[in-house]
PDB file of all heavy atoms in Angstrom:
ATOM      1  N   ILE A   1      79.173  15.058  62.849  1.00  0.00           N
ATOM      2  CA  ILE A   1      78.166  14.428  61.982  1.00  0.00           C
ATOM      3  C   ILE A   1      76.847  14.516  62.705  1.00  0.00           C
ATOM      4  O   ILE A   1      76.715  14.070  63.852  1.00  0.00           O
ATOM      5  CB  ILE A   1      78.528  12.960  61.658  1.00  0.00           C
ATOM      6  CG1 ILE A   1      79.824  12.891  60.849  1.00  0.00           C
ATOM      7  CG2 ILE A   1      77.408  12.335  60.838  1.00  0.00           C
ATOM      8  CD1 ILE A   1      81.065  12.742  61.647  1.00  0.00           C
ATOM      9  N   TYR A   2      75.878  15.099  62.045  1.00  0.00           N
ATOM     10  CA  TYR A   2      74.605  15.484  62.666  1.00  0.00           C
ATOM     11  C   TYR A   2      73.472  14.852  61.866  1.00  0.00           C
ATOM     12  O   TYR A   2      73.403  15.007  60.643  1.00  0.00           O
ATOM     13  CB  TYR A   2      74.505  17.010  62.637  1.00  0.00           C
ATOM     14  CG  TYR A   2      73.317  17.630  63.328  1.00  0.00           C
ATOM     15  CD1 TYR A   2      73.453  18.236  64.584  1.00  0.00           C
ATOM     16  CD2 TYR A   2      72.058  17.645  62.730  1.00  0.00           C
ATOM     17  CE1 TYR A   2      72.369  18.844  65.216  1.00  0.00           C
ATOM     18  CE2 TYR A   2      70.982  18.248  63.356  1.00  0.00           C
ATOM     19  CZ  TYR A   2      71.143  18.851  64.586  1.00  0.00           C
ATOM     20  OH  TYR A   2      70.066  19.449  65.201  1.00  0.00           O
ATOM     21  N   VAL A   3      72.583  14.143  62.538  1.00  0.00           N
ATOM     22  CA  VAL A   3      71.456  13.484  61.875  1.00  0.00           C
ATOM     23  C   VAL A   3      70.170  14.238  62.149  1.00  0.00           C
ATOM     24  O   VAL A   3      69.896  14.621  63.295  1.00  0.00           O
ATOM     25  CB  VAL A   3      71.325  12.022  62.374  1.00  0.00           C
ATOM     26  CG1 VAL A   3      69.953  11.446  62.037  1.00  0.00           C
ATOM     27  CG2 VAL A   3      72.414  11.149  61.765  1.00  0.00           C
ATOM     28  N   THR A   4      69.382  14.464  61.113  1.00  0.00           N
ATOM     29  CA  THR A   4      68.066  15.096  61.276  1.00  0.00           C
ATOM     30  C   THR A   4      67.168  14.662  60.122  1.00  0.00           C
ATOM     31  O   THR A   4      67.635  14.288  59.048  1.00  0.00           O
ATOM     32  CB  THR A   4      68.181  16.639  61.306  1.00  0.00           C
ATOM     33  OG1 THR A   4      66.894  17.192  61.476  1.00  0.00           O
ATOM     34  CG2 THR A   4      68.769  17.170  60.002  1.00  0.00           C
ATOM     35  N   HIS A   5      65.845  14.717  60.376  1.00  0.00           N
ATOM     36  CA  HIS A   5      64.886  14.504  59.283  1.00  0.00           C
ATOM     37  C   HIS A   5      64.369  15.851  58.776  1.00  0.00           C
ATOM     38  O   HIS A   5      63.643  15.909  57.801  1.00  0.00           O
ATOM     39  CB  HIS A   5      63.690  13.670  59.774  1.00  0.00           C
ATOM     40  CG  HIS A   5      62.888  14.360  60.840  1.00  0.00           C
ATOM     41  ND1 HIS A   5      63.226  14.298  62.169  1.00  0.00           N
ATOM     42  CD2 HIS A   5      61.811  15.164  60.769  1.00  0.00           C
ATOM     43  CE1 HIS A   5      62.370  15.029  62.875  1.00  0.00           C
ATOM     44  NE2 HIS A   5      61.497  15.568  62.041  1.00  0.00           N
ATOM     45  N   ASP A   6      64.779  16.947  59.445  1.00  0.00           N
ATOM     46  CA  ASP A   6      64.304  18.284  59.120  1.00  0.00           C
ATOM     47  C   ASP A   6      65.261  18.930  58.133  1.00  0.00           C
ATOM     48  O   ASP A   6      66.378  19.306  58.485  1.00  0.00           O
ATOM     49  CB  ASP A   6      64.229  19.098  60.412  1.00  0.00           C
ATOM     50  CG  ASP A   6      63.642  20.490  60.213  1.00  0.00           C
ATOM     51  OD1 ASP A   6      63.720  21.010  59.072  1.00  0.00           O
ATOM     52  OD2 ASP A   6      63.121  21.063  61.174  1.00  0.00           O
ATOM     53  N   GLN A   7      64.823  19.079  56.861  1.00  0.00           N
ATOM     54  CA  GLN A   7      65.731  19.598  55.851  1.00  0.00           C
ATOM     55  C   GLN A   7      66.061  21.080  56.074  1.00  0.00           C
ATOM     56  O   GLN A   7      67.124  21.541  55.658  1.00  0.00           O
ATOM     57  CB  GLN A   7      65.207  19.329  54.448  1.00  0.00           C
ATOM     58  CG  GLN A   7      63.785  19.779  54.177  1.00  0.00           C
ATOM     59  CD  GLN A   7      63.736  21.191  53.676  1.00  0.00           C
ATOM     60  OE1 GLN A   7      64.712  21.720  53.164  1.00  0.00           O
ATOM     61  NE2 GLN A   7      62.592  21.823  53.821  1.00  0.00           N
ATOM     62  N   VAL A   8      65.181  21.829  56.733  1.00  0.00           N
ATOM     63  CA  VAL A   8      65.515  23.228  57.056  1.00  0.00           C
ATOM     64  C   VAL A   8      66.691  23.263  58.038  1.00  0.00           C
ATOM     65  O   VAL A   8      67.624  24.055  57.892  1.00  0.00           O
ATOM     66  CB  VAL A   8      64.289  23.968  57.644  1.00  0.00           C
ATOM     67  CG1 VAL A   8      64.676  25.363  58.100  1.00  0.00           C
ATOM     68  CG2 VAL A   8      63.169  24.045  56.603  1.00  0.00           C
ATOM     69  N   GLU A   9      66.648  22.377  59.016  1.00  0.00           N
ATOM     70  CA  GLU A   9      67.752  22.241  59.973  1.00  0.00           C
ATOM     71  C   GLU A   9      69.043  21.897  59.240  1.00  0.00           C
ATOM     72  O   GLU A   9      70.108  22.474  59.498  1.00  0.00           O
ATOM     73  CB  GLU A   9      67.400  21.120  60.967  1.00  0.00           C
ATOM     74  CG  GLU A   9      67.915  21.304  62.362  1.00  0.00           C
ATOM     75  CD  GLU A   9      67.253  20.310  63.312  1.00  0.00           C
ATOM     76  OE1 GLU A   9      66.171  20.625  63.826  1.00  0.00           O
ATOM     77  OE2 GLU A   9      67.831  19.225  63.516  1.00  0.00           O
ATOM     78  N   ALA A  10      68.944  20.966  58.318  1.00  0.00           N
ATOM     79  CA  ALA A  10      70.126  20.535  57.567  1.00  0.00           C
ATOM     80  C   ALA A  10      70.719  21.678  56.753  1.00  0.00           C
ATOM     81  O   ALA A  10      71.938  21.902  56.759  1.00  0.00           O
ATOM     82  CB  ALA A  10      69.743  19.375  56.629  1.00  0.00           C
ATOM     83  N   MET A  11      69.855  22.441  56.082  1.00  0.00           N
ATOM     84  CA  MET A  11      70.317  23.504  55.196  1.00  0.00           C
ATOM     85  C   MET A  11      70.953  24.654  55.961  1.00  0.00           C
ATOM     86  O   MET A  11      71.855  25.331  55.470  1.00  0.00           O
ATOM     87  CB  MET A  11      69.161  24.027  54.351  1.00  0.00           C
ATOM     88  CG  MET A  11      68.560  23.017  53.389  1.00  0.00           C
ATOM     89  SD  MET A  11      69.581  22.757  51.946  1.00  0.00           S
ATOM     90  CE  MET A  11      69.163  24.199  50.976  1.00  0.00           C
ATOM     91  N   THR A  12      70.489  24.915  57.182  1.00  0.00           N
ATOM     92  CA  THR A  12      70.973  26.070  57.929  1.00  0.00           C
ATOM     93  C   THR A  12      72.196  25.753  58.788  1.00  0.00           C
ATOM     94  O   THR A  12      72.868  26.669  59.242  1.00  0.00           O
ATOM     95  CB  THR A  12      69.866  26.632  58.851  1.00  0.00           C
ATOM     96  OG1 THR A  12      69.373  25.575  59.689  1.00  0.00           O
ATOM     97  CG2 THR A  12      68.726  27.189  58.055  1.00  0.00           C
ATOM     98  N   MET A  13      72.511  24.460  58.984  1.00  0.00           N
ATOM     99  CA  MET A  13      73.597  24.116  59.898  1.00  0.00           C
ATOM    100  C   MET A  13      74.820  23.545  59.211  1.00  0.00           C
ATOM    101  O   MET A  13      75.945  23.814  59.632  1.00  0.00           O
ATOM    102  CB  MET A  13      73.085  23.107  60.940  1.00  0.00           C
ATOM    103  CG  MET A  13      72.010  23.648  61.855  1.00  0.00           C
ATOM    104  SD  MET A  13      71.420  22.437  63.053  1.00  0.00           S
ATOM    105  CE  MET A  13      72.780  22.427  64.209  1.00  0.00           C
ATOM    106  N   GLY A  14      74.649  22.750  58.182  1.00  0.00           N
ATOM    107  CA  GLY A  14      75.752  21.979  57.644  1.00  0.00           C
ATOM    108  C   GLY A  14      76.659  22.709  56.670  1.00  0.00           C
ATOM    109  O   GLY A  14      76.207  23.543  55.897  1.00  0.00           O
ATOM    110  N   ASP A  15      77.968  22.382  56.750  1.00  0.00           N
ATOM    111  CA  ASP A  15      78.891  22.801  55.673  1.00  0.00           C
ATOM    112  C   ASP A  15      78.529  22.030  54.404  1.00  0.00           C
ATOM    113  O   ASP A  15      78.533  22.590  53.310  1.00  0.00           O
ATOM    114  CB  ASP A  15      80.345  22.469  56.058  1.00  0.00           C
ATOM    115  CG  ASP A  15      80.794  23.254  57.279  1.00  0.00           C
ATOM    116  OD1 ASP A  15      80.437  24.450  57.383  1.00  0.00           O
ATOM    117  OD2 ASP A  15      81.493  22.674  58.137  1.00  0.00           O
ATOM    118  N   ARG A  16      78.249  20.744  54.589  1.00  0.00           N
ATOM    119  CA  ARG A  16      77.709  19.909  53.499  1.00  0.00           C
ATOM    120  C   ARG A  16      76.541  19.093  54.056  1.00  0.00           C
ATOM    121  O   ARG A  16      76.452  18.833  55.257  1.00  0.00           O
ATOM    122  CB  ARG A  16      78.755  18.958  52.938  1.00  0.00           C
ATOM    123  CG  ARG A  16      79.778  19.611  52.030  1.00  0.00           C
ATOM    124  CD  ARG A  16      80.604  18.554  51.311  1.00  0.00           C
ATOM    125  NE  ARG A  16      81.286  17.679  52.269  1.00  0.00           N
ATOM    126  CZ  ARG A  16      81.721  16.445  51.962  1.00  0.00           C
ATOM    127  NH1 ARG A  16      81.510  15.927  50.759  1.00  0.00           N
ATOM    128  NH2 ARG A  16      82.343  15.716  52.875  1.00  0.00           N
ATOM    129  N   VAL A  17      75.672  18.690  53.151  1.00  0.00           N
ATOM    130  CA  VAL A  17      74.496  17.894  53.527  1.00  0.00           C
ATOM    131  C   VAL A  17      74.495  16.633  52.670  1.00  0.00           C
ATOM    132  O   VAL A  17      74.629  16.716  51.445  1.00  0.00           O
ATOM    133  CB  VAL A  17      73.191  18.691  53.304  1.00  0.00           C
ATOM    134  CG1 VAL A  17      71.978  17.826  53.653  1.00  0.00           C
ATOM    135  CG2 VAL A  17      73.194  19.970  54.129  1.00  0.00           C
ATOM    136  N   ALA A  18      74.333  15.475  53.319  1.00  0.00           N
ATOM    137  CA  ALA A  18      74.240  14.203  52.606  1.00  0.00           C
ATOM    138  C   ALA A  18      72.787  13.738  52.674  1.00  0.00           C
ATOM    139  O   ALA A  18      72.238  13.545  53.757  1.00  0.00           O
ATOM    140  CB  ALA A  18      75.164  13.166  53.240  1.00  0.00           C
ATOM    141  N   VAL A  19      72.177  13.587  51.512  1.00  0.00           N
ATOM    142  CA  VAL A  19      70.766  13.184  51.428  1.00  0.00           C
ATOM    143  C   VAL A  19      70.693  11.680  51.147  1.00  0.00           C
ATOM    144  O   VAL A  19      71.269  11.184  50.190  1.00  0.00           O
ATOM    145  CB  VAL A  19      70.037  13.948  50.302  1.00  0.00           C
ATOM    146  CG1 VAL A  19      68.551  13.564  50.289  1.00  0.00           C
ATOM    147  CG2 VAL A  19      70.195  15.453  50.492  1.00  0.00           C
ATOM    148  N   LEU A  20      69.977  10.953  52.041  1.00  0.00           N
ATOM    149  CA  LEU A  20      69.838   9.505  51.884  1.00  0.00           C
ATOM    150  C   LEU A  20      68.394   9.134  51.585  1.00  0.00           C
ATOM    151  O   LEU A  20      67.458   9.818  52.028  1.00  0.00           O
ATOM    152  CB  LEU A  20      70.295   8.772  53.144  1.00  0.00           C
ATOM    153  CG  LEU A  20      71.800   8.640  53.377  1.00  0.00           C
ATOM    154  CD1 LEU A  20      72.370   9.911  53.974  1.00  0.00           C
ATOM    155  CD2 LEU A  20      72.105   7.452  54.283  1.00  0.00           C
ATOM    156  N   LYS A  21      68.240   8.047  50.858  1.00  0.00           N
ATOM    157  CA  LYS A  21      66.913   7.479  50.586  1.00  0.00           C
ATOM    158  C   LYS A  21      67.069   5.969  50.492  1.00  0.00           C
ATOM    159  O   LYS A  21      67.904   5.465  49.741  1.00  0.00           O
ATOM    160  CB  LYS A  21      66.339   8.023  49.275  1.00  0.00           C
ATOM    161  CG  LYS A  21      64.980   7.424  48.913  1.00  0.00           C
ATOM    162  CD  LYS A  21      64.568   7.793  47.496  1.00  0.00           C
ATOM    163  CE  LYS A  21      63.259   7.137  47.123  1.00  0.00           C
ATOM    164  NZ  LYS A  21      62.945   7.297  45.692  1.00  0.00           N
ATOM    165  N   ASP A  22      66.281   5.230  51.278  1.00  0.00           N
ATOM    166  CA  ASP A  22      66.318   3.767  51.264  1.00  0.00           C
ATOM    167  C   ASP A  22      67.730   3.216  51.436  1.00  0.00           C
ATOM    168  O   ASP A  22      68.125   2.244  50.787  1.00  0.00           O
ATOM    169  CB  ASP A  22      65.711   3.228  49.960  1.00  0.00           C
ATOM    170  CG  ASP A  22      64.244   3.592  49.823  1.00  0.00           C
ATOM    171  OD1 ASP A  22      63.576   3.774  50.863  1.00  0.00           O
ATOM    172  OD2 ASP A  22      63.758   3.715  48.686  1.00  0.00           O
ATOM    173  N   GLY A  23      68.522   3.870  52.293  1.00  0.00           N
ATOM    174  CA  GLY A  23      69.859   3.390  52.584  1.00  0.00           C
ATOM    175  C   GLY A  23      70.912   3.778  51.572  1.00  0.00           C
ATOM    176  O   GLY A  23      72.085   3.410  51.734  1.00  0.00           O
ATOM    177  N   VAL A  24      70.538   4.493  50.532  1.00  0.00           N
ATOM    178  CA  VAL A  24      71.468   4.843  49.451  1.00  0.00           C
ATOM    179  C   VAL A  24      71.718   6.349  49.456  1.00  0.00           C
ATOM    180  O   VAL A  24      70.774   7.138  49.517  1.00  0.00           O
ATOM    181  CB  VAL A  24      70.919   4.405  48.078  1.00  0.00           C
ATOM    182  CG1 VAL A  24      71.861   4.823  46.951  1.00  0.00           C
ATOM    183  CG2 VAL A  24      70.692   2.899  48.053  1.00  0.00           C
ATOM    184  N   LEU A  25      72.980   6.736  49.370  1.00  0.00           N
ATOM    185  CA  LEU A  25      73.332   8.150  49.298  1.00  0.00           C
ATOM    186  C   LEU A  25      72.902   8.708  47.941  1.00  0.00           C
ATOM    187  O   LEU A  25      73.301   8.200  46.896  1.00  0.00           O
ATOM    188  CB  LEU A  25      74.843   8.315  49.477  1.00  0.00           C
ATOM    189  CG  LEU A  25      75.381   9.753  49.390  1.00  0.00           C
ATOM    190  CD1 LEU A  25      74.836  10.610  50.513  1.00  0.00           C
ATOM    191  CD2 LEU A  25      76.905   9.757  49.380  1.00  0.00           C
ATOM    192  N   GLN A  26      72.081   9.761  47.973  1.00  0.00           N
ATOM    193  CA  GLN A  26      71.594  10.368  46.730  1.00  0.00           C
ATOM    194  C   GLN A  26      72.516  11.499  46.270  1.00  0.00           C
ATOM    195  O   GLN A  26      72.813  11.619  45.078  1.00  0.00           O
ATOM    196  CB  GLN A  26      70.184  10.928  46.945  1.00  0.00           C
ATOM    197  CG  GLN A  26      69.176   9.914  47.440  1.00  0.00           C
ATOM    198  CD  GLN A  26      68.901   8.834  46.412  1.00  0.00           C
ATOM    199  OE1 GLN A  26      68.541   9.114  45.271  1.00  0.00           O
ATOM    200  NE2 GLN A  26      69.065   7.589  46.828  1.00  0.00           N
TER     201      GLN A  26
END
């Protein structure tokens, strides 16, 4: 489980990406 604020990093590394906003999974 990998945390980042960089969405390019997220898109290039993850099998899946979980997007959060204000504590809620989007």
